[in-house]
C-alpha atoms as a PDB file:
ATOM      1  CA  UNK A   1      -2.883  -2.122  -6.930  1.00  0.00           C
ATOM      2  CA  UNK A   2      -0.812   0.718  -7.243  1.00  0.00           C
ATOM      3  CA  UNK A   3      -3.543   2.716  -6.200  1.00  0.00           C
ATOM      4  CA  UNK A   4      -4.193   0.996  -3.237  1.00  0.00           C
ATOM      5  CA  UNK A   5      -0.875   1.337  -2.193  1.00  0.00           C
ATOM      6  CA  UNK A   6      -0.592   4.890  -2.705  1.00  0.00           C
ATOM      7  CA  UNK A   7      -3.580   5.774  -0.934  1.00  0.00           C
ATOM      8  CA  UNK A   8      -1.967   3.547   2.281  1.00  0.00           C
ATOM      9  CA  UNK A   9       1.346   5.314   2.196  1.00  0.00           C
ATOM     10  CA  UNK A  10       2.077   1.316   1.882  1.00  0.00           C
ATOM     11  CA  UNK A  11       5.590   0.447  -1.032  1.00  0.00           C
ATOM     12  CA  UNK A  12       5.453  -3.463  -2.198  1.00  0.00           C
ATOM     13  CA  UNK A  13       7.419  -5.205   0.643  1.00  0.00           C
ATOM     14  CA  UNK A  14       4.967  -3.618   3.358  1.00  0.00           C
ATOM     15  CA  UNK A  15       1.995  -4.370   1.241  1.00  0.00           C
ATOM     16  CA  UNK A  16       3.438  -7.991   0.940  1.00  0.00           C
ATOM     17  CA  UNK A  17       4.172  -8.607   4.542  1.00  0.00           C
ATOM     18  CA  UNK A  18       0.997  -7.043   5.861  1.00  0.00           C
ATOM     19  CA  UNK A  19      -1.572  -8.943   3.377  1.00  0.00           C
ATOM     20  CA  UNK A  20       0.705 -12.447   3.578  1.00  0.00           C
ATOM     21  CA  UNK A  21       0.699 -11.973  -0.368  1.00  0.00           C
ATOM     22  CA  UNK A  22       3.738 -12.797  -1.568  1.00  0.00           C
ATOM     23  CA  UNK A  23       6.240 -10.015  -2.482  1.00  0.00           C
ATOM     24  CA  UNK A  24       6.450 -11.453  -6.292  1.00  0.00           C
ATOM     25  CA  UNK A  25       2.555 -11.570  -7.021  1.00  0.00           C
ATOM     26  CA  UNK A  26       2.279  -7.979  -5.729  1.00  0.00           C
ATOM     27  CA  UNK A  27       5.043  -7.095  -8.225  1.00  0.00           C
ATOM     28  CA  UNK A  28       2.967  -8.697 -10.689  1.00  0.00           C
ATOM     29  CA  UNK A  29       0.228  -6.863 -10.313  1.00  0.00           C
ATOM     30  CA  UNK A  30       1.897  -3.594  -9.667  1.00  0.00           C
ATOM     31  CA  UNK A  31       3.628  -3.800 -13.154  1.00  0.00           C
ATOM     32  CA  UNK A  32       0.984  -5.005 -15.074  1.00  0.00           C
ATOM     33  CA  UNK A  33       2.817  -8.255 -15.873  1.00  0.00           C
ATOM     34  CA  UNK A  34      -0.807 -10.014 -14.027  1.00  0.00           C
ATOM     35  CA  UNK A  35      -3.782  -8.725 -13.794  1.00  0.00           C
ATOM     36  CA  UNK A  36      -5.510  -8.536  -9.557  1.00  0.00           C
ATOM     37  CA  UNK A  37      -9.647  -9.500  -9.622  1.00  0.00           C
ATOM     38  CA  UNK A  38     -11.253  -6.888  -8.955  1.00  0.00           C
ATOM     39  CA  UNK A  39     -12.835  -8.672  -5.971  1.00  0.00           C
ATOM     40  CA  UNK A  40      -9.483  -9.128  -4.045  1.00  0.00           C
ATOM     41  CA  UNK A  41      -8.448  -5.462  -4.990  1.00  0.00           C
ATOM     42  CA  UNK A  42     -12.147  -5.037  -3.200  1.00  0.00           C
ATOM     43  CA  UNK A  43     -11.173  -7.248  -0.033  1.00  0.00           C
ATOM     44  CA  UNK A  44      -7.239  -5.750   0.471  1.00  0.00           C
ATOM     45  CA  UNK A  45      -9.059  -2.302   0.918  1.00  0.00           C
ATOM     46  CA  UNK A  46     -11.117  -3.442   3.106  1.00  0.00           C
ATOM     47  CA  UNK A  47      -8.439  -5.191   5.260  1.00  0.00           C
ATOM     48  CA  UNK A  48      -6.401  -2.294   4.643  1.00  0.00           C
ATOM     49  CA  UNK A  49      -8.433   0.059   5.856  1.00  0.00           C
ATOM     50  CA  UNK A  50      -9.857  -2.181   9.204  1.00  0.00           C
ATOM     51  CA  UNK A  51      -6.441  -2.255  10.518  1.00  0.00           C
ATOM     52  CA  UNK A  52      -6.078   1.627   9.175  1.00  0.00           C
ATOM     53  CA  UNK A  53      -8.780   2.759  11.652  1.00  0.00           C
ATOM     54  CA  UNK A  54      -8.578   3.368  15.347  1.00  0.00           C
ATOM     55  CA  UNK A  55      -9.665   1.374  18.106  1.00  0.00           C
ATOM     56  CA  UNK A  56      -9.191   1.757  21.928  1.00  0.00           C
ATOM     57  CA  UNK A  57      -5.724   1.631  21.171  1.00  0.00           C
ATOM     58  CA  UNK A  58      -4.768   3.902  18.917  1.00  0.00           C
ATOM     59  CA  UNK A  59      -7.607   6.210  19.811  1.00  0.00           C
ATOM     60  CA  UNK A  60      -5.476   9.552  20.935  1.00  0.00           C
ATOM     61  CA  UNK A  61      -2.804   8.599  18.115  1.00  0.00           C
ATOM     62  CA  UNK A  62      -3.158  11.848  15.844  1.00  0.00           C
ATOM     63  CA  UNK A  63      -2.137   9.599  13.059  1.00  0.00           C
ATOM     64  CA  UNK A  64      -3.045   5.899  12.961  1.00  0.00           C
ATOM     65  CA  UNK A  65      -2.085   4.368   9.515  1.00  0.00           C
ATOM     66  CA  UNK A  66       1.478   4.193  11.347  1.00  0.00           C
ATOM     67  CA  UNK A  67       2.527   1.915   8.177  1.00  0.00           C
ATOM     68  CA  UNK A  68      -1.150   0.465   9.485  1.00  0.00           C
ATOM     69  CA  UNK A  69      -0.864   0.405  12.409  1.00  0.00           C
ATOM     70  CA  UNK A  70       1.771  -1.932  12.892  1.00  0.00           C
ATOM     71  CA  UNK A  71      -0.720  -4.641  11.338  1.00  0.00           C
ATOM     72  CA  UNK A  72      -2.852  -5.399  13.717  1.00  0.00           C
ATOM     73  CA  UNK A  73      -3.967  -8.747  13.526  1.00  0.00           C
END
């Protein structure tokens, strides 16, 4: 999980807000108190990749990530 946060330039609070996962859960995963299941890590990576991908609205934006494109829903 820590690697995904770094990959997408997010802190735990931002990830919690974007992914709708309780902050404490992400904190436990990152801190090693609990292990995040691999299938959840894959789903989170897929979701963040989708949210950071350019679309019609962000085609001309050279950096569409801008905190995961302000969380497209």
